[in-house]
Amino acid sequence: MQFLKTLFWMVLAVSLAIFATRNWRDVTIDLWGPLAADIKLPLLMALMVVLGWLPTWLILRGRLWQAKRKLQLLDRPAVVAPPAPAPIASDDFDPVQR
């Protein structure tokens, strides 16, 4: 199984490397006003993938953190309030001890 996983990642890496070398050309991005930026196409595509993946990943991590926190609250032992002290009867109370 480890061999198949390694093979998959190797094929993916080689495919990305071939794609990047064949498309290594400048792309001009028009920013606001007369401003323009030149960036290589594979770098632009990688940046767009990261910008699309990052919010989804952050939401997933937040929900996992929230779920773990809720589970920890449920796993804690219940806090039992101590019993209230018995009320003192007025007949038994002697403010002056003799």
Protein backbone atom coordinates (compact mmCIF):
# COMPACT_ATOMS: atom_id res chain seq x y z
CA MET A 1 0.00 0.00 0.00
CA GLN A 2 2.88 2.34 0.82
CA PHE A 3 4.29 1.65 -2.65
CA LEU A 4 1.05 2.77 -4.32
CA LYS A 5 0.93 5.95 -2.28
CA THR A 6 4.54 6.75 -3.16
CA LEU A 7 3.89 5.97 -6.81
CA PHE A 8 0.86 8.26 -6.86
CA TRP A 9 2.81 11.19 -5.38
CA MET A 10 5.72 10.61 -7.77
CA VAL A 11 3.40 10.60 -10.82
CA LEU A 12 1.70 13.76 -9.56
CA ALA A 13 5.04 15.53 -8.94
CA VAL A 14 6.42 14.58 -12.38
CA SER A 15 3.19 15.68 -14.06
CA LEU A 16 3.30 19.04 -12.30
CA ALA A 17 6.96 19.49 -13.19
CA ILE A 18 6.29 18.76 -16.88
CA PHE A 19 3.30 21.10 -16.89
CA ALA A 20 5.31 23.87 -15.25
CA THR A 21 8.25 23.62 -17.66
CA ARG A 22 6.03 23.59 -20.74
CA ASN A 23 4.00 26.60 -19.59
CA TRP A 24 6.81 28.71 -18.12
CA ARG A 25 5.82 32.01 -19.68
CA ASP A 26 4.90 35.43 -18.38
CA VAL A 27 1.29 36.37 -17.80
CA THR A 28 0.41 40.04 -17.42
CA ILE A 29 -2.17 40.80 -14.76
CA ASP A 30 -3.81 44.22 -14.99
CA LEU A 31 -4.17 45.62 -11.52
CA TRP A 32 -5.88 48.88 -10.70
CA GLY A 33 -5.16 51.91 -12.86
CA PRO A 34 -2.03 51.77 -15.00
CA LEU A 35 -0.47 49.14 -12.70
CA ALA A 36 0.31 45.73 -14.19
CA ALA A 37 2.16 42.71 -12.82
CA ASP A 38 4.03 40.02 -14.72
CA ILE A 39 4.05 36.57 -13.17
CA LYS A 40 4.89 33.12 -14.46
CA LEU A 41 1.81 31.03 -15.29
CA PRO A 42 2.58 28.03 -13.02
CA LEU A 43 3.19 30.35 -10.08
CA LEU A 44 -0.09 32.15 -10.74
CA MET A 45 -1.96 28.84 -10.87
CA ALA A 46 -0.34 27.64 -7.63
CA LEU A 47 -1.26 30.91 -5.95
CA MET A 48 -4.88 30.58 -7.05
CA VAL A 49 -5.07 26.98 -5.79
CA VAL A 50 -3.72 28.06 -2.40
CA LEU A 51 -6.12 31.00 -2.22
CA GLY A 52 -9.04 28.66 -2.93
CA TRP A 53 -7.88 25.93 -0.56
CA LEU A 54 -6.92 28.07 2.45
CA PRO A 55 -10.38 29.34 3.53
CA THR A 56 -11.86 25.84 3.28
CA TRP A 57 -8.99 24.40 5.31
CA LEU A 58 -9.31 27.12 7.96
CA ILE A 59 -13.06 26.47 8.30
CA LEU A 60 -12.40 22.73 8.63
CA ARG A 61 -9.75 23.27 11.31
CA GLY A 62 -12.09 25.60 13.18
CA ARG A 63 -14.91 23.08 13.17
CA LEU A 64 -12.59 20.28 14.30
CA TRP A 65 -11.32 22.47 17.13
CA GLN A 66 -14.90 23.29 18.14
CA ALA A 67 -15.92 19.62 18.07
CA LYS A 68 -12.91 18.59 20.18
CA ARG A 69 -13.71 21.31 22.69
CA LYS A 70 -17.31 20.11 22.97
CA LEU A 71 -16.18 16.51 23.44
CA GLN A 72 -13.79 17.55 26.19
CA LEU A 73 -16.63 19.35 27.95
CA LEU A 74 -18.80 16.22 27.72
CA ASP A 75 -16.00 13.96 28.99
CA ARG A 76 -15.41 16.00 32.13
CA PRO A 77 -16.95 14.60 35.30
CA ALA A 78 -20.08 16.39 36.36
CA VAL A 79 -19.60 18.94 39.11
CA VAL A 80 -21.74 18.02 42.08
CA ALA A 81 -22.68 20.88 44.37
CA PRO A 82 -21.89 20.24 48.02
CA PRO A 83 -24.94 19.76 50.22
CA ALA A 84 -26.20 22.88 51.93
CA PRO A 85 -25.47 23.08 55.66
CA ALA A 86 -28.33 22.24 57.93
CA PRO A 87 -30.12 25.29 59.28
CA ILE A 88 -29.51 26.11 62.91
CA ALA A 89 -32.61 25.95 65.07
CA SER A 90 -33.19 28.97 67.28
CA ASP A 91 -33.66 26.77 70.39
CA ASP A 92 -30.22 25.18 70.06
CA PHE A 93 -28.38 28.43 69.48
CA ASP A 94 -26.76 29.96 72.56
CA PRO A 95 -24.73 33.07 71.72
CA VAL A 96 -23.00 33.03 75.08
CA GLN A 97 -21.11 29.89 75.79
CA ARG A 98 -20.93 29.25 79.56
